[in-house]
Amino acid sequence: MDISIQRGLNDKVYEKRKAAALDVEKTVREFAATDDVKKLHHVIAQLCELAASPHAISRSGAIMGLAAASFVPSRSHLGLALIGINERN
């Protein structure tokens, strides 16, 4: 995931986190369209790490990013990547 997206998800301003979450959705759509499973799993893993942050703003941004990623059509491998979240925890 791009560093600017990560910074946006960690921002205190809600609108910046929202814009970063939309960028996550675009990124995940691109990876899903090209069937780049490795990059897709990497983005989901980064969001999961961010969700485990001790900072509430970071957790909120991660949840927004995961929610945005979930809007990608189900024909992709996103479902398998999201199932991996439960296996890690």
Protein backbone atom coordinates (compact mmCIF):
# COMPACT_ATOMS: atom_id res chain seq x y z
CA MET A 1 0.00 0.00 0.00
CA ASP A 2 1.24 3.46 -0.85
CA ILE A 3 2.71 5.47 2.02
CA SER A 4 0.36 8.39 1.30
CA ILE A 5 -2.63 6.07 1.81
CA GLN A 6 -1.19 4.86 5.10
CA ARG A 7 -0.70 8.43 6.27
CA GLY A 8 -4.24 9.28 5.23
CA LEU A 9 -5.67 6.37 7.21
CA ASN A 10 -3.77 7.59 10.28
CA ASP A 11 -4.90 11.22 9.95
CA LYS A 12 -6.99 12.82 12.69
CA VAL A 13 -9.33 14.46 10.19
CA TYR A 14 -12.21 12.18 9.22
CA GLU A 15 -12.40 13.46 5.63
CA LYS A 16 -8.75 12.58 5.03
CA ARG A 17 -9.28 9.06 6.40
CA LYS A 18 -12.36 8.72 4.20
CA ALA A 19 -10.41 9.81 1.10
CA ALA A 20 -7.62 7.36 1.95
CA ALA A 21 -10.18 4.56 2.35
CA LEU A 22 -11.49 5.32 -1.15
CA ASP A 23 -7.90 5.11 -2.40
CA VAL A 24 -7.64 1.69 -0.74
CA GLU A 25 -10.73 0.62 -2.66
CA LYS A 26 -9.19 1.80 -5.95
CA THR A 27 -5.94 0.00 -5.19
CA VAL A 28 -7.72 -3.25 -4.28
CA ARG A 29 -9.85 -3.01 -7.45
CA GLU A 30 -6.68 -2.69 -9.54
CA PHE A 31 -5.10 -5.70 -7.89
CA ALA A 32 -8.30 -7.72 -8.23
CA ALA A 33 -8.64 -6.81 -11.92
CA THR A 34 -5.14 -8.07 -12.62
CA ASP A 35 -5.53 -11.08 -10.28
CA ASP A 36 -2.49 -9.98 -8.29
CA VAL A 37 -3.25 -12.09 -5.22
CA LYS A 38 0.09 -11.47 -3.53
CA LYS A 39 -0.35 -7.68 -3.51
CA LEU A 40 -3.97 -8.06 -2.46
CA HIS A 41 -2.98 -10.16 0.55
CA HIS A 42 -0.25 -7.65 1.37
CA VAL A 43 -2.70 -4.73 1.47
CA ILE A 44 -5.11 -6.69 3.68
CA ALA A 45 -2.24 -7.66 5.99
CA GLN A 46 -1.17 -4.02 6.29
CA LEU A 47 -4.73 -3.00 7.15
CA CYS A 48 -4.89 -5.77 9.77
CA GLU A 49 -1.66 -4.55 11.35
CA LEU A 50 -3.06 -1.03 11.42
CA ALA A 51 -6.26 -2.34 13.03
CA ALA A 52 -4.19 -3.77 15.88
CA SER A 53 -2.71 -0.35 16.65
CA PRO A 54 -3.05 1.04 20.18
CA HIS A 55 -4.22 4.36 18.68
CA ALA A 56 -7.97 4.73 18.15
CA ILE A 57 -7.54 6.93 15.06
CA SER A 58 -5.38 4.27 13.38
CA ARG A 59 -7.87 1.52 14.21
CA SER A 60 -10.68 3.64 12.80
CA GLY A 61 -8.74 4.25 9.59
CA ALA A 62 -7.97 0.55 9.25
CA ILE A 63 -11.64 -0.37 9.65
CA MET A 64 -12.58 2.22 7.04
CA GLY A 65 -9.95 0.75 4.70
CA LEU A 66 -11.17 -2.81 5.24
CA ALA A 67 -14.75 -1.71 4.67
CA ALA A 68 -13.78 0.06 1.45
CA ALA A 69 -11.86 -3.02 0.28
CA SER A 70 -14.91 -5.18 0.88
CA PHE A 71 -16.81 -3.35 -1.89
CA VAL A 72 -14.63 -4.97 -4.55
CA PRO A 73 -16.59 -7.55 -6.61
CA SER A 74 -16.54 -11.03 -5.12
CA ARG A 75 -15.04 -12.68 -8.21
CA SER A 76 -11.66 -11.59 -6.90
CA HIS A 77 -9.56 -13.32 -4.29
CA LEU A 78 -10.50 -10.71 -1.69
CA GLY A 79 -12.73 -13.16 0.16
CA LEU A 80 -9.81 -15.50 0.69
CA ALA A 81 -7.66 -12.62 1.89
CA LEU A 82 -10.31 -11.52 4.37
CA ILE A 83 -10.73 -15.07 5.64
CA GLY A 84 -7.01 -14.95 6.42
CA ILE A 85 -7.75 -12.27 9.01
CA ASN A 86 -9.50 -14.81 11.23
CA GLU A 87 -6.71 -17.32 10.80
CA ARG A 88 -4.13 -14.83 12.10
CA ASN A 89 -6.11 -13.95 15.21
